[in-house]
Amino acid sequence: MKQFYLLFMTVLLLTGCSLFKSSSDDIPKPQMVTIPGGTFTMGDIYEGEKNTDAIPTHEVTLPNFRIGKYEVTYRQYDHFAEQTGRRLPSSDSLGRGDRAVVNVSWINARAFCEYYGWQLPTEQQWEYAARSGGQKMQFAGTNNVDSLDLYARTTNSSAPYSYKVGSRKPNQLGLYDMSGNVFEWIGRYYQFYPENNTKPEWDNLQERSIRIVRGGSFGYGGEILSTYWRVGMFKEVESGDVDFRCVDSITKNK
């Protein structure tokens, strides 16, 4: 018995008492990519300022920040939900795992990011990252609509459900699915774009229920997958084609 006890204690010491606690390495924390800051012209610079929700085009300056390499997956969100006592989001018969999670409200998406000390991206951060550092890029990864399906899950190339993240080519910053697969929740934003050299009026998220989603999804093609396209949605909605990714070190923009 004494020999067994000594053997048992030796195993505990060698394993760091892993029988009683799980390693932080087991937590499926999202991968982040560092984005060098810079100045870019935000909005509909591609179609001659035809999209009234994305004009006037205006200059934005951003500091360095980090953003999720992939959209958040079922596996990652399920872990968070279990740790915080939340209901698991519904899925379909295709399973969960590393598919982009859907049926998550803006409220719970924000809570997920805050769990790791992060936040949902501002529209400026999201668009700058989708455009590979503010380049003139209509879709995340390409300006050519004929090659869009190489970078995005769209209605032309996918069935009507979320796919495993990273199943298409990334943009030049190594970010996947910023066009297509599923829409993505935005955090802070301004409802109407400001003129250049004027201070934007941030939307009051305490008073309004409308939020913004970006990037398009498997159910759409063409312009809606553009890096400048904005879609409004109520924050409580749990949609079958809306996911999110997080950012780190959010600061106010100039």
C-alpha atoms as a PDB file:
ATOM      1  CA  MET A   1       0.000   0.000   0.000  1.00  0.00           C
ATOM      2  CA  LYS A   2       2.867   2.349   0.894  1.00  0.00           C
ATOM      3  CA  GLN A   3       4.539   1.669  -2.482  1.00  0.00           C
ATOM      4  CA  PHE A   4       1.245   2.394  -4.290  1.00  0.00           C
ATOM      5  CA  TYR A   5       0.858   5.670  -2.396  1.00  0.00           C
ATOM      6  CA  LEU A   6       4.383   6.781  -3.310  1.00  0.00           C
ATOM      7  CA  LEU A   7       3.820   5.837  -6.952  1.00  0.00           C
ATOM      8  CA  PHE A   8       0.531   7.753  -6.981  1.00  0.00           C
ATOM      9  CA  MET A   9       2.133  10.890  -5.520  1.00  0.00           C
ATOM     10  CA  THR A  10       4.994  10.674  -8.023  1.00  0.00           C
ATOM     11  CA  VAL A  11       2.510  10.575 -10.906  1.00  0.00           C
ATOM     12  CA  LEU A  12       0.730  13.634  -9.509  1.00  0.00           C
ATOM     13  CA  LEU A  13       3.971  15.586  -9.270  1.00  0.00           C
ATOM     14  CA  LEU A  14       5.030  14.659 -12.791  1.00  0.00           C
ATOM     15  CA  THR A  15       1.656  15.541 -14.295  1.00  0.00           C
ATOM     16  CA  GLY A  16       1.160  18.759 -12.369  1.00  0.00           C
ATOM     17  CA  CYS A  17      -1.900  17.336 -10.594  1.00  0.00           C
ATOM     18  CA  SER A  18      -3.636  17.076 -13.949  1.00  0.00           C
ATOM     19  CA  LEU A  19      -6.095  14.585 -12.499  1.00  0.00           C
ATOM     20  CA  PHE A  20      -7.674  17.403 -10.523  1.00  0.00           C
ATOM     21  CA  LYS A  21      -7.483  20.351 -12.909  1.00  0.00           C
ATOM     22  CA  SER A  22      -7.410  20.843 -16.653  1.00  0.00           C
ATOM     23  CA  SER A  23      -4.549  22.636 -18.345  1.00  0.00           C
ATOM     24  CA  SER A  24      -5.156  26.045 -19.895  1.00  0.00           C
ATOM     25  CA  ASP A  25      -3.792  24.460 -23.077  1.00  0.00           C
ATOM     26  CA  ASP A  26      -7.019  22.465 -23.261  1.00  0.00           C
ATOM     27  CA  ILE A  27      -9.117  25.643 -23.611  1.00  0.00           C
ATOM     28  CA  PRO A  28      -9.958  26.114 -27.324  1.00  0.00           C
ATOM     29  CA  LYS A  29      -9.103  29.828 -27.312  1.00  0.00           C
ATOM     30  CA  PRO A  30      -9.420  31.526 -30.736  1.00  0.00           C
ATOM     31  CA  GLN A  31      -6.219  32.269 -32.650  1.00  0.00           C
ATOM     32  CA  MET A  32      -5.480  35.963 -33.133  1.00  0.00           C
ATOM     33  CA  VAL A  33      -3.585  37.793 -35.897  1.00  0.00           C
ATOM     34  CA  THR A  34      -1.820  41.106 -35.291  1.00  0.00           C
ATOM     35  CA  ILE A  35      -2.878  43.802 -37.744  1.00  0.00           C
ATOM     36  CA  PRO A  36      -0.486  46.753 -38.240  1.00  0.00           C
ATOM     37  CA  GLY A  37      -2.370  50.025 -37.934  1.00  0.00           C
ATOM     38  CA  GLY A  38      -2.666  52.628 -40.664  1.00  0.00           C
ATOM     39  CA  THR A  39      -4.896  55.098 -42.482  1.00  0.00           C
ATOM     40  CA  PHE A  40      -7.436  54.125 -45.140  1.00  0.00           C
ATOM     41  CA  THR A  41     -10.533  55.410 -46.902  1.00  0.00           C
ATOM     42  CA  MET A  42     -13.556  53.587 -45.530  1.00  0.00           C
ATOM     43  CA  GLY A  43     -16.844  52.986 -47.346  1.00  0.00           C
ATOM     44  CA  ASP A  44     -18.081  52.367 -50.878  1.00  0.00           C
ATOM     45  CA  ILE A  45     -15.025  53.327 -52.909  1.00  0.00           C
ATOM     46  CA  TYR A  46     -15.677  50.531 -55.415  1.00  0.00           C
ATOM     47  CA  GLU A  47     -19.048  51.366 -56.929  1.00  0.00           C
ATOM     48  CA  GLY A  48     -18.669  55.134 -57.087  1.00  0.00           C
ATOM     49  CA  GLU A  49     -20.380  55.745 -53.723  1.00  0.00           C
ATOM     50  CA  LYS A  50     -23.660  54.178 -54.862  1.00  0.00           C
ATOM     51  CA  ASN A  51     -24.399  52.358 -51.607  1.00  0.00           C
ATOM     52  CA  THR A  52     -26.141  54.963 -49.458  1.00  0.00           C
ATOM     53  CA  ASP A  53     -25.433  53.019 -46.235  1.00  0.00           C
ATOM     54  CA  ALA A  54     -21.681  53.146 -46.918  1.00  0.00           C
ATOM     55  CA  ILE A  55     -21.206  56.827 -47.810  1.00  0.00           C
ATOM     56  CA  PRO A  56     -19.719  59.306 -47.591  1.00  0.00           C
ATOM     57  CA  THR A  57     -16.357  57.633 -47.886  1.00  0.00           C
ATOM     58  CA  HIS A  58     -14.091  58.990 -45.183  1.00  0.00           C
ATOM     59  CA  GLU A  59     -10.576  58.652 -43.847  1.00  0.00           C
ATOM     60  CA  VAL A  60      -9.966  56.496 -40.780  1.00  0.00           C
ATOM     61  CA  THR A  61      -6.751  55.998 -38.811  1.00  0.00           C
ATOM     62  CA  LEU A  62      -6.288  52.881 -36.676  1.00  0.00           C
ATOM     63  CA  PRO A  63      -3.569  51.765 -34.247  1.00  0.00           C
ATOM     64  CA  ASN A  64      -2.297  48.182 -34.201  1.00  0.00           C
ATOM     65  CA  PHE A  65      -4.835  45.596 -33.074  1.00  0.00           C
ATOM     66  CA  ARG A  66      -5.394  41.853 -33.057  1.00  0.00           C
ATOM     67  CA  ILE A  67      -8.327  40.060 -34.643  1.00  0.00           C
ATOM     68  CA  GLY A  68      -9.522  36.474 -34.831  1.00  0.00           C
ATOM     69  CA  LYS A  69      -7.903  34.447 -37.606  1.00  0.00           C
ATOM     70  CA  TYR A  70     -11.148  32.493 -38.030  1.00  0.00           C
ATOM     71  CA  GLU A  71     -14.783  32.928 -37.180  1.00  0.00           C
ATOM     72  CA  VAL A  72     -15.630  31.455 -33.770  1.00  0.00           C
ATOM     73  CA  THR A  73     -16.485  27.754 -33.946  1.00  0.00           C
ATOM     74  CA  TYR A  74     -19.085  25.609 -32.227  1.00  0.00           C
ATOM     75  CA  ARG A  75     -16.317  23.890 -30.257  1.00  0.00           C
ATOM     76  CA  GLN A  76     -15.017  27.209 -28.936  1.00  0.00           C
ATOM     77  CA  TYR A  77     -18.427  28.661 -28.167  1.00  0.00           C
ATOM     78  CA  ASP A  78     -19.692  25.436 -26.560  1.00  0.00           C
ATOM     79  CA  HIS A  79     -16.733  25.509 -24.157  1.00  0.00           C
ATOM     80  CA  PHE A  80     -17.544  29.114 -23.230  1.00  0.00           C
ATOM     81  CA  ALA A  81     -21.257  28.322 -22.798  1.00  0.00           C
ATOM     82  CA  GLU A  82     -20.498  25.385 -20.524  1.00  0.00           C
ATOM     83  CA  GLN A  83     -18.111  27.466 -18.416  1.00  0.00           C
ATOM     84  CA  THR A  84     -20.624  30.295 -18.004  1.00  0.00           C
ATOM     85  CA  GLY A  85     -23.840  28.284 -17.683  1.00  0.00           C
ATOM     86  CA  ARG A  86     -25.305  29.409 -20.983  1.00  0.00           C
ATOM     87  CA  ARG A  87     -27.579  27.464 -23.282  1.00  0.00           C
ATOM     88  CA  LEU A  88     -25.753  25.830 -26.183  1.00  0.00           C
ATOM     89  CA  PRO A  89     -26.685  27.321 -29.561  1.00  0.00           C
ATOM     90  CA  SER A  90     -28.756  25.046 -31.771  1.00  0.00           C
ATOM     91  CA  SER A  91     -27.197  23.249 -34.697  1.00  0.00           C
ATOM     92  CA  ASP A  92     -28.361  20.969 -37.487  1.00  0.00           C
ATOM     93  CA  SER A  93     -27.721  17.321 -38.284  1.00  0.00           C
ATOM     94  CA  LEU A  94     -24.244  18.169 -39.641  1.00  0.00           C
ATOM     95  CA  GLY A  95     -22.784  18.480 -36.163  1.00  0.00           C
ATOM     96  CA  ARG A  96     -20.757  21.119 -34.365  1.00  0.00           C
ATOM     97  CA  GLY A  97     -16.968  20.926 -33.907  1.00  0.00           C
ATOM     98  CA  ASP A  98     -14.982  23.391 -36.039  1.00  0.00           C
ATOM     99  CA  ARG A  99     -17.917  24.672 -38.035  1.00  0.00           C
ATOM    100  CA  ALA A 100     -18.661  28.398 -37.712  1.00  0.00           C
ATOM    101  CA  VAL A 101     -21.098  28.738 -34.815  1.00  0.00           C
ATOM    102  CA  VAL A 102     -24.488  30.290 -35.605  1.00  0.00           C
ATOM    103  CA  ASN A 103     -27.660  31.059 -33.650  1.00  0.00           C
ATOM    104  CA  VAL A 104     -25.708  33.320 -31.281  1.00  0.00           C
ATOM    105  CA  SER A 105     -27.104  36.769 -30.455  1.00  0.00           C
ATOM    106  CA  TRP A 106     -25.003  39.938 -30.393  1.00  0.00           C
ATOM    107  CA  ILE A 107     -25.379  39.916 -26.620  1.00  0.00           C
ATOM    108  CA  ASN A 108     -23.800  36.471 -26.245  1.00  0.00           C
ATOM    109  CA  ALA A 109     -21.197  37.165 -28.929  1.00  0.00           C
ATOM    110  CA  ARG A 110     -20.031  40.173 -26.929  1.00  0.00           C
ATOM    111  CA  ALA A 111     -20.002  38.091 -23.735  1.00  0.00           C
ATOM    112  CA  PHE A 112     -17.806  35.464 -25.430  1.00  0.00           C
ATOM    113  CA  CYS A 113     -15.229  38.081 -26.432  1.00  0.00           C
ATOM    114  CA  GLU A 114     -15.265  39.680 -22.977  1.00  0.00           C
ATOM    115  CA  TYR A 115     -14.657  36.237 -21.431  1.00  0.00           C
ATOM    116  CA  TYR A 116     -11.153  36.413 -22.936  1.00  0.00           C
ATOM    117  CA  GLY A 117     -10.676  40.128 -22.238  1.00  0.00           C
ATOM    118  CA  TRP A 118     -11.507  41.021 -25.836  1.00  0.00           C
ATOM    119  CA  GLN A 119     -14.323  42.838 -27.637  1.00  0.00           C
ATOM    120  CA  LEU A 120     -16.315  42.644 -30.831  1.00  0.00           C
ATOM    121  CA  PRO A 121     -14.643  44.617 -33.650  1.00  0.00           C
ATOM    122  CA  THR A 122     -15.640  48.116 -34.621  1.00  0.00           C
ATOM    123  CA  GLU A 123     -16.704  48.503 -38.243  1.00  0.00           C
ATOM    124  CA  GLN A 124     -13.470  50.354 -38.941  1.00  0.00           C
ATOM    125  CA  GLN A 125     -11.357  47.486 -37.606  1.00  0.00           C
ATOM    126  CA  TRP A 126     -13.423  44.872 -39.391  1.00  0.00           C
ATOM    127  CA  GLU A 127     -13.315  46.616 -42.784  1.00  0.00           C
ATOM    128  CA  TYR A 128      -9.619  47.484 -42.496  1.00  0.00           C
ATOM    129  CA  ALA A 129      -8.783  43.848 -41.703  1.00  0.00           C
ATOM    130  CA  ALA A 130     -11.083  42.454 -44.411  1.00  0.00           C
ATOM    131  CA  ARG A 131      -9.378  44.726 -46.936  1.00  0.00           C
ATOM    132  CA  SER A 132      -5.953  43.361 -45.961  1.00  0.00           C
ATOM    133  CA  GLY A 133      -4.857  46.545 -44.197  1.00  0.00           C
ATOM    134  CA  GLY A 134      -7.143  49.008 -45.959  1.00  0.00           C
ATOM    135  CA  GLN A 135      -6.221  48.097 -49.531  1.00  0.00           C
ATOM    136  CA  LYS A 136      -8.723  48.745 -52.284  1.00  0.00           C
ATOM    137  CA  MET A 137     -10.315  45.314 -52.091  1.00  0.00           C
ATOM    138  CA  GLN A 138     -13.994  44.733 -52.772  1.00  0.00           C
ATOM    139  CA  PHE A 139     -14.052  41.214 -51.321  1.00  0.00           C
ATOM    140  CA  ALA A 140     -11.839  39.796 -48.590  1.00  0.00           C
ATOM    141  CA  GLY A 141      -8.952  38.432 -50.650  1.00  0.00           C
ATOM    142  CA  THR A 142      -9.855  39.539 -54.170  1.00  0.00           C
ATOM    143  CA  ASN A 143     -11.272  42.276 -56.384  1.00  0.00           C
ATOM    144  CA  ASN A 144     -12.379  39.779 -59.008  1.00  0.00           C
ATOM    145  CA  VAL A 145     -15.931  38.492 -58.592  1.00  0.00           C
ATOM    146  CA  ASP A 146     -15.049  35.531 -60.820  1.00  0.00           C
ATOM    147  CA  SER A 147     -12.522  34.316 -58.233  1.00  0.00           C
ATOM    148  CA  LEU A 148     -14.729  35.081 -55.208  1.00  0.00           C
ATOM    149  CA  ASP A 149     -15.607  31.429 -54.620  1.00  0.00           C
ATOM    150  CA  LEU A 150     -11.930  30.685 -54.006  1.00  0.00           C
ATOM    151  CA  TYR A 151     -12.098  32.937 -50.936  1.00  0.00           C
ATOM    152  CA  ALA A 152     -15.703  32.734 -49.813  1.00  0.00           C
ATOM    153  CA  ARG A 153     -18.523  30.288 -49.199  1.00  0.00           C
ATOM    154  CA  THR A 154     -21.391  31.798 -51.206  1.00  0.00           C
ATOM    155  CA  THR A 155     -24.757  30.839 -52.585  1.00  0.00           C
ATOM    156  CA  ASN A 156     -22.965  29.912 -55.816  1.00  0.00           C
ATOM    157  CA  SER A 157     -20.583  27.457 -54.192  1.00  0.00           C
ATOM    158  CA  SER A 158     -22.137  26.179 -50.976  1.00  0.00           C
ATOM    159  CA  ALA A 159     -25.125  24.456 -49.469  1.00  0.00           C
ATOM    160  CA  PRO A 160     -27.299  26.472 -47.037  1.00  0.00           C
ATOM    161  CA  TYR A 161     -25.419  25.954 -43.782  1.00  0.00           C
ATOM    162  CA  SER A 162     -22.258  27.125 -42.028  1.00  0.00           C
ATOM    163  CA  TYR A 163     -19.017  25.363 -42.944  1.00  0.00           C
ATOM    164  CA  LYS A 164     -15.850  24.474 -41.128  1.00  0.00           C
ATOM    165  CA  VAL A 165     -13.830  27.664 -40.716  1.00  0.00           C
ATOM    166  CA  GLY A 166     -10.849  28.156 -42.997  1.00  0.00           C
ATOM    167  CA  SER A 167     -12.222  26.015 -45.834  1.00  0.00           C
ATOM    168  CA  ARG A 168     -11.458  28.723 -48.408  1.00  0.00           C
ATOM    169  CA  LYS A 169      -8.344  30.821 -49.121  1.00  0.00           C
ATOM    170  CA  PRO A 170      -7.419  33.615 -46.664  1.00  0.00           C
ATOM    171  CA  ASN A 171      -6.918  37.255 -47.530  1.00  0.00           C
ATOM    172  CA  GLN A 172      -3.437  38.781 -47.625  1.00  0.00           C
ATOM    173  CA  LEU A 173      -3.336  39.136 -43.823  1.00  0.00           C
ATOM    174  CA  GLY A 174      -4.074  35.444 -43.300  1.00  0.00           C
ATOM    175  CA  LEU A 175      -7.690  36.004 -42.193  1.00  0.00           C
ATOM    176  CA  TYR A 176     -10.305  33.481 -43.293  1.00  0.00           C
ATOM    177  CA  ASP A 177     -13.988  33.813 -44.219  1.00  0.00           C
ATOM    178  CA  MET A 178     -14.301  37.578 -43.854  1.00  0.00           C
ATOM    179  CA  SER A 179     -16.399  37.382 -46.988  1.00  0.00           C
ATOM    180  CA  GLY A 180     -18.915  34.557 -47.007  1.00  0.00           C
ATOM    181  CA  ASN A 181     -19.552  31.481 -44.878  1.00  0.00           C
ATOM    182  CA  VAL A 182     -21.509  33.489 -42.276  1.00  0.00           C
ATOM    183  CA  PHE A 183     -22.177  37.138 -41.428  1.00  0.00           C
ATOM    184  CA  GLU A 184     -20.263  38.586 -38.467  1.00  0.00           C
ATOM    185  CA  TRP A 185     -21.516  40.738 -35.581  1.00  0.00           C
ATOM    186  CA  ILE A 186     -19.972  44.193 -35.176  1.00  0.00           C
ATOM    187  CA  GLY A 187     -19.501  45.937 -31.826  1.00  0.00           C
ATOM    188  CA  ARG A 188     -19.204  49.693 -31.758  1.00  0.00           C
ATOM    189  CA  TYR A 189     -20.245  51.581 -34.899  1.00  0.00           C
ATOM    190  CA  TYR A 190     -21.709  54.838 -36.125  1.00  0.00           C
ATOM    191  CA  GLN A 191     -25.078  54.766 -37.815  1.00  0.00           C
ATOM    192  CA  PHE A 192     -24.319  57.441 -40.400  1.00  0.00           C
ATOM    193  CA  TYR A 193     -20.877  57.874 -41.883  1.00  0.00           C
ATOM    194  CA  PRO A 194     -19.230  61.242 -41.140  1.00  0.00           C
ATOM    195  CA  GLU A 195     -17.782  63.678 -43.637  1.00  0.00           C
ATOM    196  CA  ASN A 196     -14.001  63.869 -43.731  1.00  0.00           C
ATOM    197  CA  ASN A 197     -12.478  65.938 -40.933  1.00  0.00           C
ATOM    198  CA  THR A 198     -15.637  65.665 -38.817  1.00  0.00           C
ATOM    199  CA  LYS A 199     -16.007  63.643 -35.649  1.00  0.00           C
ATOM    200  CA  PRO A 200     -18.205  60.527 -36.033  1.00  0.00           C
ATOM    201  CA  GLU A 201     -21.274  60.223 -33.825  1.00  0.00           C
ATOM    202  CA  TRP A 202     -21.085  56.776 -32.273  1.00  0.00           C
ATOM    203  CA  ASP A 203     -24.359  54.908 -32.007  1.00  0.00           C
ATOM    204  CA  ASN A 204     -25.653  54.677 -28.429  1.00  0.00           C
ATOM    205  CA  LEU A 205     -25.750  50.919 -27.851  1.00  0.00           C
ATOM    206  CA  GLN A 206     -27.635  51.394 -24.577  1.00  0.00           C
ATOM    207  CA  GLU A 207     -30.588  53.027 -26.324  1.00  0.00           C
ATOM    208  CA  ARG A 208     -30.721  51.234 -29.671  1.00  0.00           C
ATOM    209  CA  SER A 209     -31.388  47.573 -30.353  1.00  0.00           C
ATOM    210  CA  ILE A 210     -30.121  47.556 -33.944  1.00  0.00           C
ATOM    211  CA  ARG A 211     -26.610  46.235 -34.567  1.00  0.00           C
ATOM    212  CA  ILE A 212     -24.518  45.752 -37.694  1.00  0.00           C
ATOM    213  CA  VAL A 213     -23.408  42.512 -39.355  1.00  0.00           C
ATOM    214  CA  ARG A 214     -20.754  42.331 -42.067  1.00  0.00           C
ATOM    215  CA  GLY A 215     -19.283  40.024 -44.685  1.00  0.00           C
ATOM    216  CA  GLY A 216     -22.250  38.184 -46.191  1.00  0.00           C
ATOM    217  CA  SER A 217     -22.932  34.475 -45.847  1.00  0.00           C
ATOM    218  CA  PHE A 218     -23.475  31.179 -47.632  1.00  0.00           C
ATOM    219  CA  GLY A 219     -26.928  32.415 -48.600  1.00  0.00           C
ATOM    220  CA  TYR A 220     -25.732  35.361 -50.689  1.00  0.00           C
ATOM    221  CA  GLY A 221     -23.484  36.291 -53.560  1.00  0.00           C
ATOM    222  CA  GLY A 222     -22.209  39.454 -55.221  1.00  0.00           C
ATOM    223  CA  GLU A 223     -22.307  42.847 -53.542  1.00  0.00           C
ATOM    224  CA  ILE A 224     -23.552  41.733 -50.128  1.00  0.00           C
ATOM    225  CA  LEU A 225     -20.219  39.945 -49.646  1.00  0.00           C
ATOM    226  CA  SER A 226     -18.378  43.218 -50.304  1.00  0.00           C
ATOM    227  CA  THR A 227     -16.074  44.570 -47.622  1.00  0.00           C
ATOM    228  CA  TYR A 228     -18.104  47.802 -47.362  1.00  0.00           C
ATOM    229  CA  TRP A 229     -21.618  46.291 -47.204  1.00  0.00           C
ATOM    230  CA  ARG A 230     -23.587  46.895 -43.991  1.00  0.00           C
ATOM    231  CA  VAL A 231     -26.674  45.021 -42.785  1.00  0.00           C
ATOM    232  CA  GLY A 232     -28.761  45.951 -39.738  1.00  0.00           C
ATOM    233  CA  MET A 233     -30.072  43.329 -37.305  1.00  0.00           C
ATOM    234  CA  PHE A 234     -31.631  43.317 -33.834  1.00  0.00           C
ATOM    235  CA  LYS A 235     -29.134  42.421 -31.121  1.00  0.00           C
ATOM    236  CA  GLU A 236     -31.378  39.678 -29.679  1.00  0.00           C
ATOM    237  CA  VAL A 237     -31.659  37.755 -32.950  1.00  0.00           C
ATOM    238  CA  GLU A 238     -30.102  34.293 -33.120  1.00  0.00           C
ATOM    239  CA  SER A 239     -29.708  33.812 -36.847  1.00  0.00           C
ATOM    240  CA  GLY A 240     -28.722  30.671 -38.715  1.00  0.00           C
ATOM    241  CA  ASP A 241     -26.141  32.568 -40.778  1.00  0.00           C
ATOM    242  CA  VAL A 242     -24.537  34.991 -38.298  1.00  0.00           C
ATOM    243  CA  ASP A 243     -21.333  34.360 -36.320  1.00  0.00           C
ATOM    244  CA  PHE A 244     -18.557  36.679 -35.065  1.00  0.00           C
ATOM    245  CA  ARG A 245     -14.858  37.064 -34.381  1.00  0.00           C
ATOM    246  CA  CYS A 246     -13.141  39.047 -31.612  1.00  0.00           C
ATOM    247  CA  VAL A 247     -10.547  41.805 -31.456  1.00  0.00           C
ATOM    248  CA  ASP A 248      -7.965  42.779 -28.848  1.00  0.00           C
ATOM    249  CA  SER A 249      -6.760  46.257 -27.822  1.00  0.00           C
ATOM    250  CA  ILE A 250      -9.692  48.302 -29.141  1.00  0.00           C
ATOM    251  CA  THR A 251      -9.180  52.060 -29.009  1.00  0.00           C
ATOM    252  CA  LYS A 252     -11.138  54.981 -30.333  1.00  0.00           C
ATOM    253  CA  ASN A 253     -10.464  55.896 -33.932  1.00  0.00           C
ATOM    254  CA  LYS A 254      -9.535  59.284 -35.298  1.00  0.00           C
END
